[in-house]
Amino acid sequence: MANKFSLTQVKKYNVNHKILESLASLESRLILFSIVKNSKTAEDIAKKENIPQSTVYSKLHELEDLGLIYVEKTIKSGAGRLTKFYQSRVSSITMNLNSVEPHFILTPVSTS
């Protein structure tokens, strides 16, 4: 007999549900769409969007794990501190929810 998974177990491993949970956060959306045209540091995002820096780092990590953003470049300061510049991979996200399972259409950022 095959094992049946609970909804909680399925959600834990389902990327669509993770994207849905992430995009439910206003902070995540502000961060994601603030770095569509130009890459920014976490500090720049925190200042521009008026979001606590700790929240920005947490959301950036989450969005990066989901593949929605990436580190465009890393700069090393004179003191040896590394500063990452984050860039969005998507310019828009459309969600279709006509069943239990959400479906996303991700529009990539134009490189032209």
Protein backbone atom coordinates (compact mmCIF):
# COMPACT_ATOMS: atom_id res chain seq x y z
CA MET A 1 0.00 0.00 0.00
CA ALA A 2 1.40 3.40 -0.98
CA ASN A 3 1.96 6.00 1.67
CA LYS A 4 -0.46 8.91 1.62
CA PHE A 5 0.83 12.36 2.40
CA SER A 6 -1.06 14.92 4.43
CA LEU A 7 -1.72 18.39 3.00
CA THR A 8 0.92 19.79 5.37
CA GLN A 9 3.53 17.34 4.07
CA VAL A 10 2.66 18.08 0.45
CA LYS A 11 2.85 21.85 1.06
CA LYS A 12 6.27 21.48 2.65
CA TYR A 13 7.75 20.15 -0.59
CA ASN A 14 5.59 21.88 -3.19
CA VAL A 15 7.36 24.86 -4.76
CA ASN A 16 4.11 26.43 -5.94
CA HIS A 17 2.84 26.55 -2.36
CA LYS A 18 6.13 28.02 -1.18
CA ILE A 19 5.91 30.73 -3.84
CA LEU A 20 2.30 31.43 -2.86
CA GLU A 21 3.25 31.73 0.82
CA SER A 22 6.18 34.01 0.00
CA LEU A 23 4.15 36.30 -2.28
CA ALA A 24 1.42 36.58 0.35
CA SER A 25 3.89 38.79 2.23
CA LEU A 26 3.78 42.47 1.28
CA GLU A 27 7.45 42.79 2.19
CA SER A 28 8.42 39.98 -0.19
CA ARG A 29 6.52 41.61 -3.03
CA LEU A 30 8.02 45.04 -2.33
CA ILE A 31 11.51 43.54 -2.28
CA LEU A 32 11.02 41.38 -5.38
CA PHE A 33 9.68 44.19 -7.54
CA SER A 34 12.10 46.84 -6.25
CA ILE A 35 14.98 44.95 -7.88
CA VAL A 36 13.51 44.29 -11.33
CA LYS A 37 15.30 47.11 -13.18
CA ASN A 38 18.41 47.57 -11.04
CA SER A 39 20.20 45.36 -8.55
CA LYS A 40 20.33 46.65 -4.98
CA THR A 41 21.90 45.76 -1.67
CA ALA A 42 19.81 44.65 1.29
CA GLU A 43 20.61 47.96 2.96
CA ASP A 44 19.41 49.94 -0.08
CA ILE A 45 16.19 47.92 -0.23
CA ALA A 46 15.55 48.38 3.51
CA LYS A 47 15.95 52.16 3.24
CA LYS A 48 13.95 52.60 0.03
CA GLU A 49 11.06 50.33 1.04
CA ASN A 50 11.12 51.22 4.76
CA ILE A 51 11.43 47.57 5.82
CA PRO A 52 13.60 46.45 8.76
CA GLN A 53 16.96 45.21 7.48
CA SER A 54 16.60 41.87 9.30
CA THR A 55 13.28 41.29 7.49
CA VAL A 56 14.89 42.20 4.17
CA TYR A 57 17.67 39.65 4.68
CA SER A 58 15.16 36.97 5.65
CA LYS A 59 12.94 37.65 2.64
CA LEU A 60 15.92 37.85 0.26
CA HIS A 61 17.08 34.43 1.44
CA GLU A 62 13.57 33.02 0.93
CA LEU A 63 13.20 34.56 -2.56
CA GLU A 64 16.67 33.35 -3.55
CA ASP A 65 15.86 29.80 -2.40
CA LEU A 66 12.75 29.91 -4.60
CA GLY A 67 14.82 31.03 -7.59
CA LEU A 68 12.95 34.31 -7.98
CA ILE A 69 16.05 36.44 -7.36
CA TYR A 70 19.81 35.99 -7.59
CA VAL A 71 22.99 37.69 -6.46
CA GLU A 72 24.07 39.75 -9.47
CA LYS A 73 27.43 40.70 -7.98
CA THR A 74 29.37 40.75 -4.73
CA ILE A 75 31.69 43.62 -3.86
CA LYS A 76 34.38 43.44 -1.21
CA SER A 77 34.95 46.66 0.74
CA GLY A 78 38.33 47.88 1.93
CA ALA A 79 37.55 46.41 5.36
CA GLY A 80 36.93 43.01 3.76
CA ARG A 81 33.14 43.14 4.15
CA LEU A 82 31.20 41.49 1.32
CA THR A 83 28.20 43.34 -0.05
CA LYS A 84 25.75 41.46 -2.27
CA PHE A 85 23.65 43.10 -4.96
CA TYR A 86 20.35 41.30 -5.58
CA GLN A 87 18.44 41.21 -8.87
CA SER A 88 14.97 39.88 -9.67
CA ARG A 89 14.65 37.12 -12.27
CA VAL A 90 11.00 38.03 -12.96
CA SER A 91 9.27 41.23 -14.05
CA SER A 92 5.77 39.96 -13.32
CA ILE A 93 3.98 36.98 -11.83
CA THR A 94 0.49 35.85 -12.78
CA MET A 95 -1.32 33.37 -10.57
CA ASN A 96 -4.14 31.10 -11.69
CA LEU A 97 -6.09 29.50 -8.88
CA ASN A 98 -8.82 27.44 -10.52
CA SER A 99 -8.21 24.33 -8.45
CA VAL A 100 -6.54 23.38 -5.20
CA GLU A 101 -3.14 23.70 -6.83
CA PRO A 102 -1.94 27.24 -7.69
CA HIS A 103 -0.34 27.77 -11.08
CA PHE A 104 2.13 30.60 -11.74
CA ILE A 105 3.21 32.25 -14.95
CA LEU A 106 6.57 33.92 -14.37
CA THR A 107 7.62 36.59 -16.86
CA PRO A 108 11.41 36.82 -16.99
CA VAL A 109 13.16 40.15 -16.75
CA SER A 110 13.97 41.44 -20.22
CA THR A 111 17.70 41.63 -20.89
CA SER A 112 17.37 44.10 -23.77
